[in-house]
Amino acid sequence: MANRLGAVTIFGMFILSTAGAASAQQTLAAVKQRGEVLCGVGEGSPGFFSPDDKGVWHGLDVDVCRALSAAIFGSPDKVKFLPATPSARFAQLQSGQVDLLSRSVTWTFSRDASLGIDFPTVAFYDGHGFMVKKSLGVSSAKDLNGANICTQSGLSTEVIVADYFRQNNLTYRPVVFEKVEETLKAFEQGRCDVFSSDKSTLFSYRARLGEPDAYIVLPETISRTLDGPAVRHGDNNWGDIVRWTLFAMIGAEDLGVSSANVDQMKASSTNAEIRRLIGVEGEFGKMLGLPNDWGYNILKTVGNYGEMYERNLGGASPVVIPRKGSLNALWRNGGLMIAPSFQ
């Protein structure tokens, strides 16, 4: 009887493990069959996710999805970008309308633990702040007692602002809108004194106002926000692919590999880690269910993390967010951007 029960238990564990393995391949299989990645982005935040006048999407979060497409298909163009409002985005992900969210989604405990989603890694380190009109004569967040503050619904901003004002014994009146255009319009028309969001978002939205120079972002950073892609919980293989797509870009910058020299590295590099990253040595792509040159394809078509950052947030971009001295610098330059080894 004991032997029979043991055999039943082992068989049951085998069934569960194989079912789990099959489930883990579900998103990748669907993406391959469909022939494109469904990427949930925001309504429009220059530098991170924004369509141009021809409807072509650009931005750091957009490039994460383009890199994912390159890893899977060898081309960065096998992506369909689907706008996701703050209030609807998690439902869109959970229901399978999108394969991932890549729209500066902030990683928090409650989202990670209760929404059925996972955060593979961080694409951008940020923090919340406040934007005001210069004419208001405010130089510090401590001067905002009694202010009307515009925010979007469905964002972590509402909780962060409430916590900050409570901790500093200040009062405020929230003015909440669902869509960013409504929020910006209300702020520009003076229906609220303050706009609060991630600082990167504030700089991005400031560029969209009629007179950007009439507004300032106050110096205080009142939270720490870890922004990056989000995927459905339980699909470990898909989470690994999204995670290592970003790690490939960060690791490549750390190793000195870029879109400009990746062909040279492929032909002559003797660095074992670089050779594994770009598919010359080992079978690292196979471990993820991807072609072995997945890393090469990312770097050749989209570039490393530094190239992606400079293209979207550097000096030539519409929204400039200095990387030097920030948490988004490489670890060797005093930041937090680091990738595990390709071993």
C-alpha atoms as a PDB file:
ATOM      1  CA  MET A   1       0.000   0.000   0.000  1.00  0.00           C
ATOM      2  CA  ALA A   2       2.817   2.399   0.938  1.00  0.00           C
ATOM      3  CA  ASN A   3       4.547   1.685  -2.363  1.00  0.00           C
ATOM      4  CA  ARG A   4       1.306   2.232  -4.217  1.00  0.00           C
ATOM      5  CA  LEU A   5       0.685   5.567  -2.430  1.00  0.00           C
ATOM      6  CA  GLY A   6       4.248   6.627  -3.143  1.00  0.00           C
ATOM      7  CA  ALA A   7       3.845   5.846  -6.819  1.00  0.00           C
ATOM      8  CA  VAL A   8       0.575   7.822  -6.936  1.00  0.00           C
ATOM      9  CA  THR A   9       2.242  10.780  -5.218  1.00  0.00           C
ATOM     10  CA  ILE A  10       5.208  10.758  -7.593  1.00  0.00           C
ATOM     11  CA  PHE A  11       2.873  10.460 -10.594  1.00  0.00           C
ATOM     12  CA  GLY A  12       0.798  13.374  -9.302  1.00  0.00           C
ATOM     13  CA  MET A  13       3.901  15.519  -8.846  1.00  0.00           C
ATOM     14  CA  PHE A  14       4.999  14.614 -12.380  1.00  0.00           C
ATOM     15  CA  ILE A  15       1.631  15.653 -13.809  1.00  0.00           C
ATOM     16  CA  LEU A  16       1.750  18.976 -11.921  1.00  0.00           C
ATOM     17  CA  SER A  17       5.309  19.680 -12.961  1.00  0.00           C
ATOM     18  CA  THR A  18       4.645  18.949 -16.633  1.00  0.00           C
ATOM     19  CA  ALA A  19       1.464  21.029 -16.515  1.00  0.00           C
ATOM     20  CA  GLY A  20       3.445  23.879 -14.981  1.00  0.00           C
ATOM     21  CA  ALA A  21       6.145  23.553 -17.634  1.00  0.00           C
ATOM     22  CA  ALA A  22       3.516  23.668 -20.378  1.00  0.00           C
ATOM     23  CA  SER A  23       1.907  26.728 -18.802  1.00  0.00           C
ATOM     24  CA  ALA A  24       5.299  28.414 -18.530  1.00  0.00           C
ATOM     25  CA  GLN A  25       5.667  28.308 -22.309  1.00  0.00           C
ATOM     26  CA  GLN A  26       2.199  29.703 -22.979  1.00  0.00           C
ATOM     27  CA  THR A  27       2.976  33.380 -23.685  1.00  0.00           C
ATOM     28  CA  LEU A  28       6.055  32.724 -25.822  1.00  0.00           C
ATOM     29  CA  ALA A  29       4.144  30.141 -27.880  1.00  0.00           C
ATOM     30  CA  ALA A  30       1.248  32.566 -28.385  1.00  0.00           C
ATOM     31  CA  VAL A  31       3.624  35.369 -29.408  1.00  0.00           C
ATOM     32  CA  LYS A  32       5.404  33.131 -31.919  1.00  0.00           C
ATOM     33  CA  GLN A  33       2.132  31.892 -33.390  1.00  0.00           C
ATOM     34  CA  ARG A  34       0.745  35.436 -33.624  1.00  0.00           C
ATOM     35  CA  GLY A  35       3.954  36.762 -35.123  1.00  0.00           C
ATOM     36  CA  GLU A  36       4.158  39.866 -32.950  1.00  0.00           C
ATOM     37  CA  VAL A  37       4.461  41.060 -29.344  1.00  0.00           C
ATOM     38  CA  LEU A  38       1.472  42.910 -27.889  1.00  0.00           C
ATOM     39  CA  CYS A  39       3.029  45.693 -25.841  1.00  0.00           C
ATOM     40  CA  GLY A  40       0.904  47.788 -23.478  1.00  0.00           C
ATOM     41  CA  VAL A  41       2.148  51.379 -23.310  1.00  0.00           C
ATOM     42  CA  GLY A  42       0.728  54.653 -21.957  1.00  0.00           C
ATOM     43  CA  GLU A  43      -1.237  57.417 -23.631  1.00  0.00           C
ATOM     44  CA  GLY A  44       1.844  59.462 -24.460  1.00  0.00           C
ATOM     45  CA  SER A  45       4.886  60.442 -22.390  1.00  0.00           C
ATOM     46  CA  PRO A  46       7.735  61.801 -24.554  1.00  0.00           C
ATOM     47  CA  GLY A  47      11.022  60.067 -23.854  1.00  0.00           C
ATOM     48  CA  PHE A  48       9.274  56.932 -22.582  1.00  0.00           C
ATOM     49  CA  PHE A  49       6.277  56.125 -24.797  1.00  0.00           C
ATOM     50  CA  SER A  50       4.842  58.475 -27.386  1.00  0.00           C
ATOM     51  CA  PRO A  51       3.708  58.200 -31.030  1.00  0.00           C
ATOM     52  CA  ASP A  52       5.043  60.668 -33.598  1.00  0.00           C
ATOM     53  CA  ASP A  53       2.892  62.430 -36.207  1.00  0.00           C
ATOM     54  CA  LYS A  54       3.025  59.278 -38.346  1.00  0.00           C
ATOM     55  CA  GLY A  55       1.830  57.039 -35.515  1.00  0.00           C
ATOM     56  CA  VAL A  56       5.255  55.464 -34.927  1.00  0.00           C
ATOM     57  CA  TRP A  57       5.967  54.897 -31.238  1.00  0.00           C
ATOM     58  CA  HIS A  58       9.226  56.054 -29.645  1.00  0.00           C
ATOM     59  CA  GLY A  59      10.691  56.057 -26.145  1.00  0.00           C
ATOM     60  CA  LEU A  60      12.692  54.070 -23.630  1.00  0.00           C
ATOM     61  CA  ASP A  61       9.769  51.815 -22.669  1.00  0.00           C
ATOM     62  CA  VAL A  62       8.930  51.363 -26.345  1.00  0.00           C
ATOM     63  CA  ASP A  63      12.506  50.260 -27.045  1.00  0.00           C
ATOM     64  CA  VAL A  64      12.223  47.575 -24.354  1.00  0.00           C
ATOM     65  CA  CYS A  65       9.433  45.993 -26.419  1.00  0.00           C
ATOM     66  CA  ARG A  66      11.388  46.462 -29.640  1.00  0.00           C
ATOM     67  CA  ALA A  67      14.349  44.675 -28.035  1.00  0.00           C
ATOM     68  CA  LEU A  68      12.030  41.866 -26.951  1.00  0.00           C
ATOM     69  CA  SER A  69      10.798  41.543 -30.538  1.00  0.00           C
ATOM     70  CA  ALA A  70      14.410  41.412 -31.771  1.00  0.00           C
ATOM     71  CA  ALA A  71      15.222  38.664 -29.254  1.00  0.00           C
ATOM     72  CA  ILE A  72      12.296  36.516 -30.399  1.00  0.00           C
ATOM     73  CA  PHE A  73      11.991  37.255 -34.130  1.00  0.00           C
ATOM     74  CA  GLY A  74      15.354  38.780 -35.048  1.00  0.00           C
ATOM     75  CA  SER A  75      13.548  42.023 -35.947  1.00  0.00           C
ATOM     76  CA  PRO A  76      12.582  44.932 -33.653  1.00  0.00           C
ATOM     77  CA  ASP A  77       9.472  45.668 -35.699  1.00  0.00           C
ATOM     78  CA  LYS A  78       7.289  42.690 -34.763  1.00  0.00           C
ATOM     79  CA  VAL A  79       5.482  44.689 -32.071  1.00  0.00           C
ATOM     80  CA  LYS A  80       1.970  46.069 -31.798  1.00  0.00           C
ATOM     81  CA  PHE A  81       1.728  48.965 -29.334  1.00  0.00           C
ATOM     82  CA  LEU A  82      -1.561  49.205 -27.466  1.00  0.00           C
ATOM     83  CA  PRO A  83      -2.264  52.266 -25.288  1.00  0.00           C
ATOM     84  CA  ALA A  84      -3.187  51.307 -21.727  1.00  0.00           C
ATOM     85  CA  THR A  85      -4.633  53.878 -19.313  1.00  0.00           C
ATOM     86  CA  PRO A  86      -3.558  53.696 -15.642  1.00  0.00           C
ATOM     87  CA  SER A  87      -6.983  52.457 -14.561  1.00  0.00           C
ATOM     88  CA  ALA A  88      -7.248  49.737 -17.253  1.00  0.00           C
ATOM     89  CA  ARG A  89      -3.651  48.557 -17.737  1.00  0.00           C
ATOM     90  CA  PHE A  90      -3.553  45.765 -15.151  1.00  0.00           C
ATOM     91  CA  ALA A  91      -6.849  44.312 -16.372  1.00  0.00           C
ATOM     92  CA  GLN A  92      -5.477  44.392 -19.931  1.00  0.00           C
ATOM     93  CA  LEU A  93      -2.429  42.421 -18.818  1.00  0.00           C
ATOM     94  CA  GLN A  94      -4.345  39.940 -16.662  1.00  0.00           C
ATOM     95  CA  SER A  95      -6.896  39.252 -19.401  1.00  0.00           C
ATOM     96  CA  GLY A  96      -4.223  38.599 -22.040  1.00  0.00           C
ATOM     97  CA  GLN A  97      -4.984  41.660 -24.177  1.00  0.00           C
ATOM     98  CA  VAL A  98      -1.260  42.486 -23.941  1.00  0.00           C
ATOM     99  CA  ASP A  99       1.780  40.265 -23.390  1.00  0.00           C
ATOM    100  CA  LEU A 100       3.461  42.802 -21.123  1.00  0.00           C
ATOM    101  CA  LEU A 101       3.114  46.341 -19.863  1.00  0.00           C
ATOM    102  CA  SER A 102       6.069  48.553 -20.738  1.00  0.00           C
ATOM    103  CA  ARG A 103       4.935  51.988 -19.659  1.00  0.00           C
ATOM    104  CA  SER A 104       6.903  52.993 -16.547  1.00  0.00           C
ATOM    105  CA  VAL A 105       4.907  50.692 -14.272  1.00  0.00           C
ATOM    106  CA  THR A 106       6.058  51.212 -10.677  1.00  0.00           C
ATOM    107  CA  TRP A 107       6.978  48.074  -8.741  1.00  0.00           C
ATOM    108  CA  THR A 108       5.197  48.027  -5.367  1.00  0.00           C
ATOM    109  CA  PHE A 109       4.491  45.378  -2.741  1.00  0.00           C
ATOM    110  CA  SER A 110       0.713  45.323  -3.217  1.00  0.00           C
ATOM    111  CA  ARG A 111       0.929  45.115  -7.002  1.00  0.00           C
ATOM    112  CA  ASP A 112       3.489  42.338  -6.869  1.00  0.00           C
ATOM    113  CA  ALA A 113       1.692  40.333  -4.181  1.00  0.00           C
ATOM    114  CA  SER A 114      -1.998  40.780  -5.016  1.00  0.00           C
ATOM    115  CA  LEU A 115      -2.587  41.610  -8.677  1.00  0.00           C
ATOM    116  CA  GLY A 116      -1.325  38.420 -10.310  1.00  0.00           C
ATOM    117  CA  ILE A 117       1.555  40.199 -12.037  1.00  0.00           C
ATOM    118  CA  ASP A 118       5.352  40.049 -11.808  1.00  0.00           C
ATOM    119  CA  PHE A 119       8.056  42.668 -12.294  1.00  0.00           C
ATOM    120  CA  PRO A 120      11.022  40.984 -14.036  1.00  0.00           C
ATOM    121  CA  THR A 121      13.495  43.850 -13.479  1.00  0.00           C
ATOM    122  CA  VAL A 122      13.941  47.634 -13.434  1.00  0.00           C
ATOM    123  CA  ALA A 123      14.216  49.705 -16.612  1.00  0.00           C
ATOM    124  CA  PHE A 124      14.339  53.119 -14.944  1.00  0.00           C
ATOM    125  CA  TYR A 125      14.874  54.347 -11.373  1.00  0.00           C
ATOM    126  CA  ASP A 126      12.781  57.356 -10.455  1.00  0.00           C
ATOM    127  CA  GLY A 127      10.949  59.142  -7.641  1.00  0.00           C
ATOM    128  CA  HIS A 128       7.804  61.226  -7.241  1.00  0.00           C
ATOM    129  CA  GLY A 129       7.811  65.001  -7.165  1.00  0.00           C
ATOM    130  CA  PHE A 130       5.743  68.110  -7.832  1.00  0.00           C
ATOM    131  CA  MET A 131       5.473  70.550 -10.749  1.00  0.00           C
ATOM    132  CA  VAL A 132       4.117  74.073 -10.270  1.00  0.00           C
ATOM    133  CA  LYS A 133       3.844  77.342 -12.182  1.00  0.00           C
ATOM    134  CA  LYS A 134       6.774  79.655 -11.490  1.00  0.00           C
ATOM    135  CA  SER A 135       4.249  82.422 -10.831  1.00  0.00           C
ATOM    136  CA  LEU A 136       3.015  80.521  -7.781  1.00  0.00           C
ATOM    137  CA  GLY A 137       6.234  81.572  -6.039  1.00  0.00           C
ATOM    138  CA  VAL A 138       6.827  78.150  -4.485  1.00  0.00           C
ATOM    139  CA  SER A 139      10.357  76.773  -4.089  1.00  0.00           C
ATOM    140  CA  SER A 140       9.760  73.709  -1.892  1.00  0.00           C
ATOM    141  CA  ALA A 141       7.178  70.971  -1.462  1.00  0.00           C
ATOM    142  CA  LYS A 142       6.866  72.109   2.174  1.00  0.00           C
ATOM    143  CA  ASP A 143       5.195  75.282   0.828  1.00  0.00           C
ATOM    144  CA  LEU A 144       2.273  73.327  -0.668  1.00  0.00           C
ATOM    145  CA  ASN A 145      -0.001  73.284   2.396  1.00  0.00           C
ATOM    146  CA  GLY A 146      -3.634  73.567   1.261  1.00  0.00           C
ATOM    147  CA  ALA A 147      -2.803  73.148  -2.448  1.00  0.00           C
ATOM    148  CA  ASN A 148      -5.030  71.565  -5.081  1.00  0.00           C
ATOM    149  CA  ILE A 149      -3.023  68.691  -6.569  1.00  0.00           C
ATOM    150  CA  CYS A 150      -3.771  67.106  -9.947  1.00  0.00           C
ATOM    151  CA  THR A 151      -3.061  63.383 -10.372  1.00  0.00           C
ATOM    152  CA  GLN A 152      -4.224  60.529 -12.583  1.00  0.00           C
ATOM    153  CA  SER A 153      -6.385  57.765 -11.177  1.00  0.00           C
ATOM    154  CA  GLY A 154      -4.985  54.241 -11.029  1.00  0.00           C
ATOM    155  CA  LEU A 155      -1.424  55.381 -10.268  1.00  0.00           C
ATOM    156  CA  SER A 156       0.661  54.911  -7.129  1.00  0.00           C
ATOM    157  CA  THR A 157       0.902  58.725  -7.043  1.00  0.00           C
ATOM    158  CA  GLU A 158      -2.346  59.047  -5.080  1.00  0.00           C
ATOM    159  CA  VAL A 159      -1.026  56.989  -2.162  1.00  0.00           C
ATOM    160  CA  ILE A 160       2.468  58.524  -2.272  1.00  0.00           C
ATOM    161  CA  VAL A 161       1.128  62.096  -2.153  1.00  0.00           C
ATOM    162  CA  ALA A 162      -1.272  61.235   0.677  1.00  0.00           C
ATOM    163  CA  ASP A 163       1.558  59.637   2.677  1.00  0.00           C
ATOM    164  CA  TYR A 164       3.873  62.634   2.142  1.00  0.00           C
ATOM    165  CA  PHE A 165       1.313  65.227   3.239  1.00  0.00           C
ATOM    166  CA  ARG A 166       0.262  63.200   6.271  1.00  0.00           C
ATOM    167  CA  GLN A 167       3.873  62.673   7.381  1.00  0.00           C
ATOM    168  CA  ASN A 168       4.592  66.414   7.083  1.00  0.00           C
ATOM    169  CA  ASN A 169       1.345  67.551   8.751  1.00  0.00           C
ATOM    170  CA  LEU A 170       0.191  69.288   5.589  1.00  0.00           C
ATOM    171  CA  THR A 171      -3.217  69.332   3.934  1.00  0.00           C
ATOM    172  CA  TYR A 172      -4.163  69.239   0.262  1.00  0.00           C
ATOM    173  CA  ARG A 173      -7.137  68.704  -2.010  1.00  0.00           C
ATOM    174  CA  PRO A 174      -6.794  65.949  -4.649  1.00  0.00           C
ATOM    175  CA  VAL A 175      -8.084  66.641  -8.151  1.00  0.00           C
ATOM    176  CA  VAL A 176      -8.132  63.274  -9.929  1.00  0.00           C
ATOM    177  CA  PHE A 177      -8.587  62.539 -13.641  1.00  0.00           C
ATOM    178  CA  GLU A 178      -8.510  59.297 -15.594  1.00  0.00           C
ATOM    179  CA  LYS A 179      -6.601  60.459 -18.682  1.00  0.00           C
ATOM    180  CA  VAL A 180      -3.361  62.378 -18.933  1.00  0.00           C
ATOM    181  CA  GLU A 181      -4.728  64.923 -21.424  1.00  0.00           C
ATOM    182  CA  GLU A 182      -7.507  65.840 -18.996  1.00  0.00           C
ATOM    183  CA  THR A 183      -5.008  66.161 -16.157  1.00  0.00           C
ATOM    184  CA  LEU A 184      -2.593  68.348 -18.113  1.00  0.00           C
ATOM    185  CA  LYS A 185      -5.400  70.567 -19.378  1.00  0.00           C
ATOM    186  CA  ALA A 186      -6.741  71.078 -15.858  1.00  0.00           C
ATOM    187  CA  PHE A 187      -3.261  71.922 -14.580  1.00  0.00           C
ATOM    188  CA  GLU A 188      -2.537  74.343 -17.421  1.00  0.00           C
ATOM    189  CA  GLN A 189      -5.910  76.058 -16.941  1.00  0.00           C
ATOM    190  CA  GLY A 190      -5.217  76.589 -13.236  1.00  0.00           C
ATOM    191  CA  ARG A 191      -7.843  74.205 -11.908  1.00  0.00           C
ATOM    192  CA  CYS A 192      -5.124  72.848  -9.655  1.00  0.00           C
ATOM    193  CA  ASP A 193      -1.941  74.382  -8.266  1.00  0.00           C
ATOM    194  CA  VAL A 194       0.278  71.325  -8.549  1.00  0.00           C
ATOM    195  CA  PHE A 195       0.834  68.341 -10.830  1.00  0.00           C
ATOM    196  CA  SER A 196       2.328  65.311  -9.090  1.00  0.00           C
ATOM    197  CA  SER A 197       3.838  62.208 -10.678  1.00  0.00           C
ATOM    198  CA  ASP A 198       7.209  60.519 -11.184  1.00  0.00           C
ATOM    199  CA  LYS A 199       9.812  63.211 -11.816  1.00  0.00           C
ATOM    200  CA  SER A 200      10.645  61.719 -15.205  1.00  0.00           C
ATOM    201  CA  THR A 201       6.953  61.983 -16.099  1.00  0.00           C
ATOM    202  CA  LEU A 202       6.834  65.584 -14.904  1.00  0.00           C
ATOM    203  CA  PHE A 203       9.771  66.560 -17.132  1.00  0.00           C
ATOM    204  CA  SER A 204       8.129  64.703 -19.994  1.00  0.00           C
ATOM    205  CA  TYR A 205       4.727  66.351 -19.507  1.00  0.00           C
ATOM    206  CA  ARG A 206       6.334  69.776 -18.991  1.00  0.00           C
ATOM    207  CA  ALA A 207       7.622  69.551 -22.570  1.00  0.00           C
ATOM    208  CA  ARG A 208       4.023  69.149 -23.759  1.00  0.00           C
ATOM    209  CA  LEU A 209       2.698  72.319 -22.114  1.00  0.00           C
ATOM    210  CA  GLY A 210       2.159  75.479 -24.144  1.00  0.00           C
ATOM    211  CA  GLU A 211       4.850  77.412 -22.224  1.00  0.00           C
ATOM    212  CA  PRO A 212       7.212  74.854 -20.669  1.00  0.00           C
ATOM    213  CA  ASP A 213       9.509  77.549 -19.246  1.00  0.00           C
ATOM    214  CA  ALA A 214       6.646  78.892 -17.139  1.00  0.00           C
ATOM    215  CA  TYR A 215       6.755  75.745 -14.986  1.00  0.00           C
ATOM    216  CA  ILE A 216       9.302  74.235 -12.587  1.00  0.00           C
ATOM    217  CA  VAL A 217       9.727  70.824 -10.995  1.00  0.00           C
ATOM    218  CA  LEU A 218      10.356  71.299  -7.262  1.00  0.00           C
ATOM    219  CA  PRO A 219      13.621  69.863  -5.887  1.00  0.00           C
ATOM    220  CA  GLU A 220      12.174  67.317  -3.459  1.00  0.00           C
ATOM    221  CA  THR A 221      11.936  63.650  -4.424  1.00  0.00           C
ATOM    222  CA  ILE A 222       9.318  62.213  -2.080  1.00  0.00           C
ATOM    223  CA  SER A 223       9.508  58.515  -2.970  1.00  0.00           C
ATOM    224  CA  ARG A 224      11.631  55.858  -4.576  1.00  0.00           C
ATOM    225  CA  THR A 225      10.090  54.288  -7.647  1.00  0.00           C
ATOM    226  CA  LEU A 226      11.394  51.293  -9.539  1.00  0.00           C
ATOM    227  CA  ASP A 227       9.824  51.359 -12.989  1.00  0.00           C
ATOM    228  CA  GLY A 228       9.929  48.600 -15.555  1.00  0.00           C
ATOM    229  CA  PRO A 229       7.974  46.026 -17.521  1.00  0.00           C
ATOM    230  CA  ALA A 230       5.239  43.937 -15.916  1.00  0.00           C
ATOM    231  CA  VAL A 231       4.119  40.432 -16.943  1.00  0.00           C
ATOM    232  CA  ARG A 232       1.494  37.959 -15.808  1.00  0.00           C
ATOM    233  CA  HIS A 233       2.341  35.930 -12.716  1.00  0.00           C
ATOM    234  CA  GLY A 234       3.135  32.246 -13.228  1.00  0.00           C
ATOM    235  CA  ASP A 235       4.640  32.346 -16.705  1.00  0.00           C
ATOM    236  CA  ASN A 236       8.232  32.001 -15.549  1.00  0.00           C
ATOM    237  CA  ASN A 237       9.714  31.459 -18.999  1.00  0.00           C
ATOM    238  CA  TRP A 238       8.172  34.661 -20.340  1.00  0.00           C
ATOM    239  CA  GLY A 239       9.333  36.553 -17.258  1.00  0.00           C
ATOM    240  CA  ASP A 240      12.866  35.237 -17.840  1.00  0.00           C
ATOM    241  CA  ILE A 241      12.811  36.379 -21.475  1.00  0.00           C
ATOM    242  CA  VAL A 242      11.695  39.911 -20.553  1.00  0.00           C
ATOM    243  CA  ARG A 243      14.215  40.050 -17.673  1.00  0.00           C
ATOM    244  CA  TRP A 244      17.182  38.879 -19.721  1.00  0.00           C
ATOM    245  CA  THR A 245      16.283  41.114 -22.646  1.00  0.00           C
ATOM    246  CA  LEU A 246      16.937  44.100 -20.394  1.00  0.00           C
ATOM    247  CA  PHE A 247      19.924  42.412 -18.749  1.00  0.00           C
ATOM    248  CA  ALA A 248      21.421  41.815 -22.199  1.00  0.00           C
ATOM    249  CA  MET A 249      21.263  45.551 -22.891  1.00  0.00           C
ATOM    250  CA  ILE A 250      22.631  46.554 -19.482  1.00  0.00           C
ATOM    251  CA  GLY A 251      25.295  43.838 -19.509  1.00  0.00           C
ATOM    252  CA  ALA A 252      26.374  44.757 -23.028  1.00  0.00           C
ATOM    253  CA  GLU A 253      26.967  48.371 -22.029  1.00  0.00           C
ATOM    254  CA  ASP A 254      28.979  47.201 -19.017  1.00  0.00           C
ATOM    255  CA  LEU A 255      31.044  44.902 -21.271  1.00  0.00           C
ATOM    256  CA  GLY A 256      31.590  47.598 -23.903  1.00  0.00           C
ATOM    257  CA  VAL A 257      29.399  46.037 -26.595  1.00  0.00           C
ATOM    258  CA  SER A 258      27.238  48.342 -28.711  1.00  0.00           C
ATOM    259  CA  SER A 259      25.343  48.359 -32.001  1.00  0.00           C
ATOM    260  CA  ALA A 260      28.428  49.922 -33.590  1.00  0.00           C
ATOM    261  CA  ASN A 261      30.905  47.201 -32.606  1.00  0.00           C
ATOM    262  CA  VAL A 262      28.787  44.076 -32.084  1.00  0.00           C
ATOM    263  CA  ASP A 263      29.788  42.648 -35.484  1.00  0.00           C
ATOM    264  CA  GLN A 264      33.448  43.135 -34.653  1.00  0.00           C
ATOM    265  CA  MET A 265      32.913  41.522 -31.262  1.00  0.00           C
ATOM    266  CA  LYS A 266      31.140  38.611 -32.890  1.00  0.00           C
ATOM    267  CA  ALA A 267      34.045  38.049 -35.284  1.00  0.00           C
ATOM    268  CA  SER A 268      36.998  38.485 -32.941  1.00  0.00           C
ATOM    269  CA  SER A 269      36.193  38.866 -29.241  1.00  0.00           C
ATOM    270  CA  THR A 270      37.923  36.372 -26.935  1.00  0.00           C
ATOM    271  CA  ASN A 271      35.887  37.479 -23.883  1.00  0.00           C
ATOM    272  CA  ALA A 272      33.844  34.407 -22.942  1.00  0.00           C
ATOM    273  CA  GLU A 273      30.990  36.411 -21.440  1.00  0.00           C
ATOM    274  CA  ILE A 274      30.634  38.575 -24.546  1.00  0.00           C
ATOM    275  CA  ARG A 275      30.727  35.479 -26.742  1.00  0.00           C
ATOM    276  CA  ARG A 276      27.907  33.884 -24.726  1.00  0.00           C
ATOM    277  CA  LEU A 277      25.863  37.095 -24.799  1.00  0.00           C
ATOM    278  CA  ILE A 278      25.954  37.414 -28.584  1.00  0.00           C
ATOM    279  CA  GLY A 279      25.542  33.677 -29.270  1.00  0.00           C
ATOM    280  CA  VAL A 280      29.027  32.750 -30.457  1.00  0.00           C
ATOM    281  CA  GLU A 281      29.580  30.367 -27.551  1.00  0.00           C
ATOM    282  CA  GLY A 282      27.206  28.183 -25.529  1.00  0.00           C
ATOM    283  CA  GLU A 283      23.451  27.702 -25.976  1.00  0.00           C
ATOM    284  CA  PHE A 284      22.030  30.511 -23.882  1.00  0.00           C
ATOM    285  CA  GLY A 285      19.250  31.273 -26.341  1.00  0.00           C
ATOM    286  CA  LYS A 286      18.079  27.670 -26.180  1.00  0.00           C
ATOM    287  CA  MET A 287      17.678  27.960 -22.398  1.00  0.00           C
ATOM    288  CA  LEU A 288      15.063  30.670 -22.982  1.00  0.00           C
ATOM    289  CA  GLY A 289      13.407  29.056 -25.990  1.00  0.00           C
ATOM    290  CA  LEU A 290      14.953  31.682 -28.287  1.00  0.00           C
ATOM    291  CA  PRO A 291      17.385  31.642 -31.209  1.00  0.00           C
ATOM    292  CA  ASN A 292      20.988  31.457 -30.059  1.00  0.00           C
ATOM    293  CA  ASP A 293      21.757  34.882 -31.540  1.00  0.00           C
ATOM    294  CA  TRP A 294      18.986  36.590 -29.540  1.00  0.00           C
ATOM    295  CA  GLY A 295      21.467  38.861 -27.720  1.00  0.00           C
ATOM    296  CA  TYR A 296      23.231  39.805 -30.946  1.00  0.00           C
ATOM    297  CA  ASN A 297      19.900  40.709 -32.548  1.00  0.00           C
ATOM    298  CA  ILE A 298      18.960  42.977 -29.630  1.00  0.00           C
ATOM    299  CA  LEU A 299      22.260  44.831 -29.741  1.00  0.00           C
ATOM    300  CA  LYS A 300      22.476  45.081 -33.517  1.00  0.00           C
ATOM    301  CA  THR A 301      18.989  46.505 -33.964  1.00  0.00           C
ATOM    302  CA  VAL A 302      18.181  48.368 -30.717  1.00  0.00           C
ATOM    303  CA  GLY A 303      21.559  48.794 -28.993  1.00  0.00           C
ATOM    304  CA  ASN A 304      22.733  48.559 -25.403  1.00  0.00           C
ATOM    305  CA  TYR A 305      21.095  50.307 -22.446  1.00  0.00           C
ATOM    306  CA  GLY A 306      23.274  53.408 -22.770  1.00  0.00           C
ATOM    307  CA  GLU A 307      22.385  53.799 -26.439  1.00  0.00           C
ATOM    308  CA  MET A 308      18.702  53.368 -25.637  1.00  0.00           C
ATOM    309  CA  TYR A 309      18.897  55.950 -22.841  1.00  0.00           C
ATOM    310  CA  GLU A 310      20.801  58.518 -24.924  1.00  0.00           C
ATOM    311  CA  ARG A 311      18.429  58.124 -27.874  1.00  0.00           C
ATOM    312  CA  ASN A 312      15.323  58.746 -25.769  1.00  0.00           C
ATOM    313  CA  LEU A 313      16.419  60.861 -22.794  1.00  0.00           C
ATOM    314  CA  GLY A 314      19.796  62.285 -23.849  1.00  0.00           C
ATOM    315  CA  GLY A 315      20.838  65.681 -25.153  1.00  0.00           C
ATOM    316  CA  ALA A 316      19.263  65.320 -28.598  1.00  0.00           C
ATOM    317  CA  SER A 317      15.893  64.055 -27.331  1.00  0.00           C
ATOM    318  CA  PRO A 318      12.760  66.166 -26.662  1.00  0.00           C
ATOM    319  CA  VAL A 319      12.984  65.364 -22.935  1.00  0.00           C
ATOM    320  CA  VAL A 320      16.441  65.507 -21.340  1.00  0.00           C
ATOM    321  CA  ILE A 321      16.918  63.601 -18.072  1.00  0.00           C
ATOM    322  CA  PRO A 322      20.644  63.559 -17.186  1.00  0.00           C
ATOM    323  CA  ARG A 323      21.954  60.074 -16.500  1.00  0.00           C
ATOM    324  CA  LYS A 324      25.312  61.044 -15.000  1.00  0.00           C
ATOM    325  CA  GLY A 325      25.173  60.916 -11.210  1.00  0.00           C
ATOM    326  CA  SER A 326      21.728  59.292 -11.218  1.00  0.00           C
ATOM    327  CA  LEU A 327      20.630  55.819 -10.132  1.00  0.00           C
ATOM    328  CA  ASN A 328      20.253  54.970 -13.834  1.00  0.00           C
ATOM    329  CA  ALA A 329      24.007  55.112 -14.388  1.00  0.00           C
ATOM    330  CA  LEU A 330      25.967  51.853 -14.540  1.00  0.00           C
ATOM    331  CA  TRP A 331      27.046  50.446 -11.188  1.00  0.00           C
ATOM    332  CA  ARG A 332      30.679  51.247 -11.979  1.00  0.00           C
ATOM    333  CA  ASN A 333      29.674  54.896 -12.415  1.00  0.00           C
ATOM    334  CA  GLY A 334      27.833  55.153  -9.114  1.00  0.00           C
ATOM    335  CA  GLY A 335      24.385  54.057 -10.305  1.00  0.00           C
ATOM    336  CA  LEU A 336      22.282  50.931  -9.824  1.00  0.00           C
ATOM    337  CA  MET A 337      22.234  49.552 -13.365  1.00  0.00           C
ATOM    338  CA  ILE A 338      23.875  46.128 -13.256  1.00  0.00           C
ATOM    339  CA  ALA A 339      23.189  42.753 -14.877  1.00  0.00           C
ATOM    340  CA  PRO A 340      24.013  39.249 -13.594  1.00  0.00           C
ATOM    341  CA  SER A 341      26.847  37.452 -15.365  1.00  0.00           C
ATOM    342  CA  PHE A 342      26.315  35.537 -18.580  1.00  0.00           C
ATOM    343  CA  GLN A 343      27.649  32.249 -17.248  1.00  0.00           C
END
